[in-house]
C-alpha atoms as a PDB file:
ATOM      1  CA  MET A   1      -0.032  -0.016  -0.035  1.00  0.00           C
ATOM      2  CA  SER A   2       2.750   2.548   0.862  1.00  0.00           C
ATOM      3  CA  SER A   3       4.230   2.483  -2.730  1.00  0.00           C
ATOM      4  CA  THR A   4       0.890   4.208  -4.017  1.00  0.00           C
ATOM      5  CA  LEU A   5       0.675   6.802  -1.331  1.00  0.00           C
ATOM      6  CA  THR A   6       0.531  10.485  -2.145  1.00  0.00           C
ATOM      7  CA  PRO A   7       3.023  12.846  -0.395  1.00  0.00           C
ATOM      8  CA  GLU A   8       0.373  13.546   2.149  1.00  0.00           C
ATOM      9  CA  GLY A   9      -0.273   9.954   2.653  1.00  0.00           C
ATOM     10  CA  VAL A  10       3.441   9.287   3.308  1.00  0.00           C
ATOM     11  CA  GLU A  11       3.394  12.049   5.894  1.00  0.00           C
ATOM     12  CA  LEU A  12       0.204  10.888   7.487  1.00  0.00           C
ATOM     13  CA  GLY A  13       1.861   7.454   7.834  1.00  0.00           C
ATOM     14  CA  LYS A  14       4.929   9.214   9.639  1.00  0.00           C
ATOM     15  CA  PHE A  15       2.442  11.232  11.828  1.00  0.00           C
ATOM     16  CA  PHE A  16       0.828   7.957  12.822  1.00  0.00           C
ATOM     17  CA  LYS A  17       4.174   6.349  13.802  1.00  0.00           C
ATOM     18  CA  VAL A  18       4.943   9.691  15.835  1.00  0.00           C
ATOM     19  CA  SER A  19       1.410   9.357  17.275  1.00  0.00           C
ATOM     20  CA  ALA A  20       1.929   5.804  18.464  1.00  0.00           C
ATOM     21  CA  ARG A  21       5.169   6.762  20.068  1.00  0.00           C
ATOM     22  CA  GLN A  22       3.612   9.685  21.857  1.00  0.00           C
ATOM     23  CA  PHE A  23       0.781   7.474  23.115  1.00  0.00           C
ATOM     24  CA  GLU A  24       3.194   4.837  24.421  1.00  0.00           C
ATOM     25  CA  ALA A  25       5.190   7.544  26.224  1.00  0.00           C
ATOM     26  CA  GLY A  26       2.030   8.988  27.846  1.00  0.00           C
ATOM     27  CA  HIS A  27       2.164  12.330  26.004  1.00  0.00           C
ATOM     28  CA  ILE A  28      -0.730  14.367  24.925  1.00  0.00           C
ATOM     29  CA  ALA A  29      -2.325  13.541  21.550  1.00  0.00           C
ATOM     30  CA  PRO A  30      -0.283  15.060  18.729  1.00  0.00           C
ATOM     31  CA  GLU A  31      -1.883  18.031  16.969  1.00  0.00           C
ATOM     32  CA  MET A  32      -2.739  17.811  13.325  1.00  0.00           C
ATOM     33  CA  PHE A  33      -1.947  21.231  12.027  1.00  0.00           C
ATOM     34  CA  SER A  34      -1.667  20.492   8.240  1.00  0.00           C
ATOM     35  CA  THR A  35      -4.822  21.039   6.312  1.00  0.00           C
ATOM     36  CA  ALA A  36      -3.368  19.078   3.289  1.00  0.00           C
ATOM     37  CA  ILE A  37      -2.458  16.137   5.465  1.00  0.00           C
ATOM     38  CA  ASP A  38      -5.640  16.159   7.451  1.00  0.00           C
ATOM     39  CA  ALA A  39      -7.683  16.182   4.143  1.00  0.00           C
ATOM     40  CA  GLU A  40      -5.775  13.116   3.128  1.00  0.00           C
ATOM     41  CA  TRP A  41      -6.563  11.488   6.541  1.00  0.00           C
ATOM     42  CA  HIS A  42     -10.312  12.200   6.220  1.00  0.00           C
ATOM     43  CA  ARG A  43     -10.158  10.778   2.597  1.00  0.00           C
ATOM     44  CA  LEU A  44      -8.356   7.654   3.765  1.00  0.00           C
ATOM     45  CA  MET A  45     -10.705   7.124   6.764  1.00  0.00           C
ATOM     46  CA  GLU A  46     -13.439   6.527   4.322  1.00  0.00           C
ATOM     47  CA  THR A  47     -11.670   3.743   2.561  1.00  0.00           C
ATOM     48  CA  PRO A  48     -11.488  -0.145   3.402  1.00  0.00           C
ATOM     49  CA  GLU A  49      -7.662   0.271   3.495  1.00  0.00           C
ATOM     50  CA  TYR A  50      -7.680   2.681   6.582  1.00  0.00           C
ATOM     51  CA  ALA A  51      -7.321  -0.241   9.116  1.00  0.00           C
ATOM     52  CA  ALA A  52      -4.406  -1.806   7.376  1.00  0.00           C
ATOM     53  CA  PHE A  53      -2.815   1.669   6.950  1.00  0.00           C
ATOM     54  CA  CYS A  54      -3.140   2.334  10.681  1.00  0.00           C
ATOM     55  CA  THR A  55      -1.626  -1.096  11.588  1.00  0.00           C
ATOM     56  CA  GLU A  56       1.171  -0.591   9.088  1.00  0.00           C
ATOM     57  CA  HIS A  57       2.252   2.763  10.348  1.00  0.00           C
ATOM     58  CA  ALA A  58       1.198   2.764  14.018  1.00  0.00           C
ATOM     59  CA  GLY A  59       0.771  -0.743  14.905  1.00  0.00           C
ATOM     60  CA  GLN A  60      -2.695  -0.079  16.110  1.00  0.00           C
ATOM     61  CA  ALA A  61      -6.006   1.500  15.146  1.00  0.00           C
ATOM     62  CA  ILE A  62      -5.988   5.242  15.103  1.00  0.00           C
ATOM     63  CA  GLY A  63      -9.250   7.230  15.666  1.00  0.00           C
ATOM     64  CA  HIS A  64      -9.790  10.824  14.830  1.00  0.00           C
ATOM     65  CA  SER A  65     -10.821  13.318  17.540  1.00  0.00           C
ATOM     66  CA  ARG A  66     -11.909  16.891  17.030  1.00  0.00           C
ATOM     67  CA  ALA A  67      -9.567  18.956  19.227  1.00  0.00           C
ATOM     68  CA  LYS A  68      -9.339  22.654  18.491  1.00  0.00           C
ATOM     69  CA  GLY A  69      -6.256  24.613  19.663  1.00  0.00           C
ATOM     70  CA  ALA A  70      -3.516  26.936  18.942  1.00  0.00           C
ATOM     71  CA  GLY A  71       0.014  27.189  19.964  1.00  0.00           C
ATOM     72  CA  GLU A  72       3.302  25.363  19.814  1.00  0.00           C
ATOM     73  CA  ILE A  73       3.052  21.916  18.196  1.00  0.00           C
ATOM     74  CA  SER A  74       4.219  19.449  20.745  1.00  0.00           C
ATOM     75  CA  TRP A  75       5.536  16.588  18.623  1.00  0.00           C
ATOM     76  CA  ILE A  76       8.007  18.192  16.291  1.00  0.00           C
ATOM     77  CA  SER A  77      11.139  17.059  17.950  1.00  0.00           C
ATOM     78  CA  ALA A  78       9.931  13.524  18.118  1.00  0.00           C
ATOM     79  CA  TYR A  79       9.194  13.627  14.228  1.00  0.00           C
ATOM     80  CA  GLU A  80      12.659  15.101  13.677  1.00  0.00           C
ATOM     81  CA  GLU A  81      14.338  12.565  15.704  1.00  0.00           C
ATOM     82  CA  MET A  82      12.545   9.852  13.626  1.00  0.00           C
ATOM     83  CA  PHE A  83      12.548  11.295  10.120  1.00  0.00           C
ATOM     84  CA  GLY A  84      14.406  14.552  10.012  1.00  0.00           C
ATOM     85  CA  PRO A  85      13.010  18.063   9.313  1.00  0.00           C
ATOM     86  CA  LEU A  86       9.341  18.458   8.385  1.00  0.00           C
ATOM     87  CA  PRO A  87       9.017  18.719   4.671  1.00  0.00           C
ATOM     88  CA  LYS A  88       7.106  21.558   2.966  1.00  0.00           C
ATOM     89  CA  ILE A  89       3.817  19.487   2.497  1.00  0.00           C
ATOM     90  CA  TRP A  90       3.166  20.149   6.351  1.00  0.00           C
ATOM     91  CA  PHE A  91       2.946  23.776   5.469  1.00  0.00           C
ATOM     92  CA  THR A  92       0.646  23.290   2.573  1.00  0.00           C
ATOM     93  CA  ASP A  93      -3.158  23.843   2.677  1.00  0.00           C
ATOM     94  CA  ALA A  94      -5.717  21.599   1.156  1.00  0.00           C
ATOM     95  CA  ASP A  95      -5.679  23.619  -2.114  1.00  0.00           C
ATOM     96  CA  GLY A  96      -1.801  23.299  -2.543  1.00  0.00           C
ATOM     97  CA  GLN A  97      -0.825  26.649  -1.268  1.00  0.00           C
ATOM     98  CA  VAL A  98       2.302  26.751   0.914  1.00  0.00           C
ATOM     99  CA  ASP A  99       2.410  29.091   3.842  1.00  0.00           C
ATOM    100  CA  GLU A 100       5.834  30.366   3.237  1.00  0.00           C
ATOM    101  CA  ARG A 101       5.987  32.420   6.347  1.00  0.00           C
ATOM    102  CA  ALA A 102       5.232  29.567   8.616  1.00  0.00           C
ATOM    103  CA  LEU A 103       7.652  27.292   6.745  1.00  0.00           C
ATOM    104  CA  ALA A 104      10.499  29.931   7.044  1.00  0.00           C
ATOM    105  CA  GLY A 105       9.678  30.397  10.743  1.00  0.00           C
ATOM    106  CA  TYR A 106      10.060  26.586  11.218  1.00  0.00           C
ATOM    107  CA  ARG A 107      13.296  26.398   9.356  1.00  0.00           C
ATOM    108  CA  GLU A 108      14.763  29.227  11.327  1.00  0.00           C
ATOM    109  CA  SER A 109      13.708  28.197  14.807  1.00  0.00           C
ATOM    110  CA  GLY A 110      12.737  24.539  14.666  1.00  0.00           C
ATOM    111  CA  VAL A 111       9.458  25.402  16.276  1.00  0.00           C
ATOM    112  CA  VAL A 112       5.946  25.264  14.716  1.00  0.00           C
ATOM    113  CA  VAL A 113       3.250  27.502  16.112  1.00  0.00           C
ATOM    114  CA  ALA A 114       0.043  26.793  14.524  1.00  0.00           C
ATOM    115  CA  GLU A 115      -3.686  26.209  14.848  1.00  0.00           C
ATOM    116  CA  TRP A 116      -5.236  22.717  14.739  1.00  0.00           C
ATOM    117  CA  ASP A 117      -8.728  21.267  14.958  1.00  0.00           C
ATOM    118  CA  CYS A 118      -8.123  17.509  15.380  1.00  0.00           C
ATOM    119  CA  SER A 119      -5.816  14.912  16.867  1.00  0.00           C
ATOM    120  CA  PRO A 120      -5.386  11.120  16.670  1.00  0.00           C
ATOM    121  CA  ILE A 121      -6.595   8.912  19.436  1.00  0.00           C
ATOM    122  CA  PRO A 122      -5.636   5.371  20.055  1.00  0.00           C
ATOM    123  CA  GLY A 123      -8.120   2.890  19.025  1.00  0.00           C
ATOM    124  CA  ASP A 124     -10.729   2.860  16.384  1.00  0.00           C
ATOM    125  CA  GLY A 125     -13.049   5.375  17.883  1.00  0.00           C
ATOM    126  CA  GLY A 126     -14.379   8.074  15.653  1.00  0.00           C
ATOM    127  CA  ASP A 127     -15.103  11.817  16.387  1.00  0.00           C
ATOM    128  CA  LEU A 128     -15.993  12.770  19.865  1.00  0.00           C
ATOM    129  CA  ALA A 129     -19.229  14.557  20.387  1.00  0.00           C
ATOM    130  CA  PRO A 130     -18.976  18.378  20.490  1.00  0.00           C
ATOM    131  CA  GLU A 131     -19.330  18.567  24.324  1.00  0.00           C
ATOM    132  CA  GLN A 132     -16.190  16.199  24.552  1.00  0.00           C
ATOM    133  CA  GLU A 133     -13.932  18.336  22.387  1.00  0.00           C
ATOM    134  CA  LYS A 134     -10.992  19.764  24.028  1.00  0.00           C
ATOM    135  CA  ALA A 135     -10.097  23.393  23.330  1.00  0.00           C
ATOM    136  CA  LEU A 136      -6.426  24.177  24.012  1.00  0.00           C
ATOM    137  CA  VAL A 137      -4.175  27.125  23.724  1.00  0.00           C
ATOM    138  CA  ARG A 138      -0.390  26.523  24.279  1.00  0.00           C
END
């Protein structure tokens, strides 16, 4: 399956690997700040291949949780340790436009400050009810 993935799908797989590591270490759920990669996540969740994708990349089922917030993205150093610097696709919106300012800020500082509206959760649970959403500012 991996050989046919889009760049967004490849990065989603890496994000799931980082997520599984974060879950195992007891850290907070990683924030999905990329609209391009999140769009691929939503597309993939609607396919029969999603369960196998999760198992291949995270070793477990990965659910999707609405989780709005803004601030420093918590998992960047874990990603860099595993895969190197974030590629440009992380700073690309669902229409293919790159946020050059955010990308330059990351490349200069190694820090990503962004907004997000969802996070992975361990297990095959779907979206949480609106009253269960978490609103975070870091």
